[in-house]
Amino acid sequence: MKKNQKLRLNWQHLSFTEYASGIEVYQAALFFKDKKNIQKKILDHALDEYRHSRYFYNLAKKRGAIEGISSPSGLINIGGLSKSPFPTKKSKEISFCSYLYVGELRAIEFGDRVKENYSNKEILKIFQIIDQDEKNHAKGLMNYLSTKNDTRVKLSIMWHKMKFIFSDRNSFGLISKLKTKTEQFLIKKIFNFFPETIFETKNNNNNFEEAYLNRKRLS
């Protein structure tokens, strides 16, 4: 039986969202300059997010659905950086990691909705790979947060869940519009911190299983 495709997705917008997530995670890696093993894992996480972005961009391109949106504007207004704690400071480390953790939980829930509404084999394969990535990311973040003050972590997670719910209700069906000065500030921060080459992958084909098996890489 063919699944009822009630969920309509904009693949380019999802690509911006994943790319923005990669930027956020990359900043988290900067908190761990003195802990190289942890930093390497976080950088792998950031690269996973960029790989997800590439999956969605390829889907949009294949379907001829690429909109004329600049990357900075897309990352800020569509990708979610306008509502993100980014850029942040190390003193906000627990809050920022809690924010990333809640984001992973939301990504897992979203993936489940997609798999319930789509029957296309290519799309399902992509979301199966992403689902495994997101579950690993959530586990890693919680392993780290579990080493911190339990009450503080619980309150922080609860706070970010509430903020996401509030944000969803106020932005449903809309694209955020930022004032020019704010947008210029964020664009400057993005490209000062994160040159695009940091997210380059060595394999640009569409063999998603191979990309997953070879995901542990740094250019």
Protein backbone atom coordinates (compact mmCIF):
# COMPACT_ATOMS: atom_id res chain seq x y z
CA MET A 1 0.00 0.00 0.00
CA LYS A 2 1.38 3.40 -0.95
CA LYS A 3 1.94 5.70 1.98
CA ASN A 4 -0.06 8.89 2.15
CA GLN A 5 2.40 11.71 1.55
CA LYS A 6 0.83 14.41 3.68
CA LEU A 7 4.20 15.74 4.76
CA ARG A 8 5.61 18.07 2.10
CA LEU A 9 9.27 18.89 2.48
CA ASN A 10 11.46 21.62 1.03
CA TRP A 11 14.79 19.84 0.56
CA GLN A 12 16.79 23.02 0.10
CA HIS A 13 15.43 24.45 3.34
CA LEU A 14 16.36 21.22 5.12
CA SER A 15 19.83 21.53 3.62
CA PHE A 16 20.20 24.99 5.18
CA THR A 17 18.98 23.63 8.53
CA GLU A 18 21.56 20.83 8.57
CA TYR A 19 24.36 23.14 7.45
CA ALA A 20 23.47 25.57 10.24
CA SER A 21 23.56 22.67 12.70
CA GLY A 22 27.06 21.87 11.51
CA ILE A 23 28.12 25.44 12.27
CA GLU A 24 26.63 25.24 15.77
CA VAL A 25 28.34 21.93 16.50
CA TYR A 26 31.63 23.24 15.15
CA GLN A 27 31.47 26.07 17.66
CA ALA A 28 30.90 23.53 20.44
CA ALA A 29 34.16 21.88 19.34
CA LEU A 30 35.98 25.14 20.07
CA PHE A 31 35.15 24.67 23.76
CA PHE A 32 37.39 21.58 23.88
CA LYS A 33 40.71 22.76 22.45
CA ASP A 34 42.51 21.19 25.41
CA LYS A 35 40.67 17.86 25.07
CA LYS A 36 41.59 16.65 21.62
CA ASN A 37 39.82 13.28 21.83
CA ILE A 38 36.51 14.94 22.69
CA GLN A 39 37.08 17.68 20.14
CA LYS A 40 37.66 15.10 17.39
CA LYS A 41 34.33 13.43 18.16
CA ILE A 42 32.53 16.77 18.04
CA LEU A 43 34.17 17.64 14.73
CA ASP A 44 32.98 14.29 13.35
CA HIS A 45 29.50 15.28 14.53
CA ALA A 46 29.77 18.61 12.71
CA LEU A 47 30.89 16.87 9.53
CA ASP A 48 27.93 14.50 9.80
CA GLU A 49 25.59 17.49 9.83
CA TYR A 50 27.21 18.86 6.70
CA ARG A 51 26.88 15.45 5.03
CA HIS A 52 23.17 15.54 5.84
CA SER A 53 23.01 18.99 4.29
CA ARG A 54 24.58 17.60 1.11
CA TYR A 55 22.02 14.77 0.95
CA PHE A 56 19.17 17.27 1.04
CA TYR A 57 20.83 19.66 -1.40
CA ASN A 58 21.27 16.79 -3.87
CA LEU A 59 17.58 15.90 -3.51
CA ALA A 60 16.57 19.51 -4.17
CA LYS A 61 18.91 19.76 -7.16
CA LYS A 62 17.70 16.46 -8.64
CA ARG A 63 14.12 17.69 -8.43
CA GLY A 64 14.93 21.11 -9.91
CA ALA A 65 13.79 22.81 -6.71
CA ILE A 66 16.77 25.08 -6.00
CA GLU A 67 15.62 28.55 -4.97
CA GLY A 68 17.67 31.70 -5.48
CA ILE A 69 18.61 32.14 -1.83
CA SER A 70 22.06 33.28 -0.73
CA SER A 71 23.86 30.92 1.64
CA PRO A 72 24.20 33.47 4.50
CA SER A 73 20.53 34.43 4.30
CA GLY A 74 19.50 30.81 4.06
CA LEU A 75 21.58 29.79 7.08
CA ILE A 76 20.27 32.65 9.20
CA ASN A 77 16.62 32.93 8.17
CA ILE A 78 15.85 29.36 7.14
CA GLY A 79 18.57 27.28 8.79
CA GLY A 80 17.69 28.67 12.21
CA LEU A 81 20.77 30.63 13.25
CA SER A 82 18.57 33.66 13.89
CA LYS A 83 16.96 31.73 16.78
CA SER A 84 20.06 29.88 17.88
CA PRO A 85 22.30 30.62 20.90
CA PHE A 86 25.08 30.92 18.30
CA PRO A 87 27.46 32.64 18.71
CA THR A 88 27.98 31.80 22.37
CA LYS A 89 30.71 31.64 25.03
CA LYS A 90 32.32 28.74 26.86
CA SER A 91 30.60 29.91 30.06
CA LYS A 92 27.34 28.85 28.36
CA GLU A 93 28.70 25.40 27.56
CA ILE A 94 26.05 23.38 29.44
CA SER A 95 23.20 25.42 28.03
CA PHE A 96 24.58 25.21 24.49
CA CYS A 97 25.15 21.45 24.67
CA SER A 98 21.63 21.04 26.10
CA TYR A 99 20.32 23.03 23.15
CA LEU A 100 22.18 20.73 20.74
CA TYR A 101 20.85 17.66 22.58
CA VAL A 102 17.23 18.83 22.29
CA GLY A 103 17.87 19.57 18.62
CA GLU A 104 18.99 15.98 18.10
CA LEU A 105 15.84 14.66 19.78
CA ARG A 106 13.74 16.84 17.49
CA ALA A 107 15.66 15.61 14.46
CA ILE A 108 14.96 12.00 15.44
CA GLU A 109 11.24 12.73 15.85
CA PHE A 110 11.18 14.55 12.51
CA GLY A 111 12.88 11.63 10.79
CA ASP A 112 10.24 9.27 12.17
CA ARG A 113 7.51 11.47 10.68
CA VAL A 114 9.24 11.45 7.31
CA LYS A 115 9.57 7.67 7.30
CA GLU A 116 5.86 7.37 8.12
CA ASN A 117 4.86 9.61 5.20
CA TYR A 118 7.28 8.75 2.40
CA SER A 119 7.70 5.55 0.42
CA ASN A 120 10.47 6.70 -1.96
CA LYS A 121 13.41 4.30 -1.43
CA GLU A 122 16.07 6.98 -1.91
CA ILE A 123 14.49 9.25 0.68
CA LEU A 124 13.98 6.40 3.15
CA LYS A 125 17.62 5.31 2.81
CA ILE A 126 18.81 8.85 3.50
CA PHE A 127 16.67 9.16 6.62
CA GLN A 128 17.71 5.75 7.89
CA ILE A 129 21.34 6.86 7.74
CA ILE A 130 20.54 10.24 9.31
CA ASP A 131 18.51 8.55 12.06
CA GLN A 132 21.52 6.46 13.09
CA ASP A 133 23.73 9.56 13.07
CA GLU A 134 21.31 11.59 15.17
CA LYS A 135 20.89 8.84 17.75
CA ASN A 136 24.68 8.61 18.08
CA HIS A 137 24.90 12.39 18.44
CA ALA A 138 22.18 12.48 21.12
CA LYS A 139 23.91 9.67 23.02
CA GLY A 140 27.25 11.44 22.90
CA LEU A 141 25.81 14.74 24.08
CA MET A 142 23.96 13.07 26.95
CA ASN A 143 27.09 11.16 27.96
CA TYR A 144 28.85 14.50 28.27
CA LEU A 145 25.96 16.28 30.01
CA SER A 146 25.68 13.43 32.52
CA THR A 147 29.08 14.47 33.89
CA LYS A 148 27.68 17.88 34.85
CA ASN A 149 25.33 19.08 37.58
CA ASP A 150 22.19 16.97 37.14
CA THR A 151 19.69 19.61 38.22
CA ARG A 152 21.28 22.28 36.05
CA VAL A 153 21.27 19.98 33.02
CA LYS A 154 17.63 18.96 33.51
CA LEU A 155 16.51 22.57 33.83
CA SER A 156 18.52 23.57 30.78
CA ILE A 157 17.06 20.78 28.66
CA MET A 158 13.54 21.65 29.82
CA TRP A 159 14.14 25.33 29.03
CA HIS A 160 15.32 24.61 25.49
CA LYS A 161 12.40 22.25 24.84
CA MET A 162 10.00 25.02 25.86
CA LYS A 163 11.82 27.55 23.68
CA PHE A 164 11.58 25.26 20.66
CA ILE A 165 7.86 24.75 21.23
CA PHE A 166 7.30 28.49 21.54
CA SER A 167 9.40 29.14 18.44
CA ASP A 168 7.49 26.54 16.43
CA ARG A 169 4.17 28.10 17.30
CA ASN A 170 5.30 31.59 16.36
CA SER A 171 7.10 30.75 13.12
CA PHE A 172 4.80 28.12 11.62
CA GLY A 173 4.50 28.77 7.89
CA LEU A 174 6.74 31.83 8.08
CA ILE A 175 10.37 32.68 7.32
CA SER A 176 12.01 34.89 9.92
CA LYS A 177 13.00 38.34 8.71
CA LEU A 178 15.96 39.91 10.45
CA LYS A 179 16.99 43.52 10.56
CA THR A 180 19.92 44.25 8.27
CA LYS A 181 22.38 45.06 11.06
CA THR A 182 21.65 41.81 12.89
CA GLU A 183 21.98 39.77 9.70
CA GLN A 184 25.27 41.43 8.81
CA PHE A 185 26.59 40.72 12.31
CA LEU A 186 25.73 37.04 12.10
CA ILE A 187 27.11 36.68 8.58
CA LYS A 188 30.40 38.18 9.75
CA LYS A 189 30.52 35.79 12.69
CA ILE A 190 29.76 32.77 10.50
CA PHE A 191 32.53 33.37 8.00
CA ASN A 192 35.07 34.49 10.58
CA PHE A 193 34.59 31.31 12.58
CA PHE A 194 33.72 28.80 9.90
CA PRO A 195 35.37 28.84 6.47
CA GLU A 196 33.38 26.66 4.10
CA THR A 197 36.38 24.37 3.51
CA ILE A 198 36.13 23.03 7.07
CA PHE A 199 33.05 21.08 5.95
CA GLU A 200 34.38 19.75 2.64
CA THR A 201 33.99 15.99 2.21
CA LYS A 202 36.29 13.78 0.22
CA ASN A 203 33.57 11.82 -1.51
CA ASN A 204 30.86 13.71 -3.40
CA ASN A 205 28.93 10.79 -4.84
CA ASN A 206 25.46 9.63 -3.88
CA ASN A 207 26.42 6.27 -2.39
CA PHE A 208 24.94 7.00 1.02
CA GLU A 209 25.93 3.70 2.62
CA GLU A 210 29.56 4.20 1.61
CA ALA A 211 29.47 7.78 2.85
CA TYR A 212 28.18 6.58 6.22
CA LEU A 213 30.86 3.90 6.57
CA ASN A 214 33.56 6.46 5.74
CA ARG A 215 32.11 9.30 7.80
CA LYS A 216 35.00 9.52 10.29
CA ARG A 217 37.18 11.93 8.40
CA LEU A 218 38.75 15.34 8.66
CA SER A 219 40.05 17.21 5.62
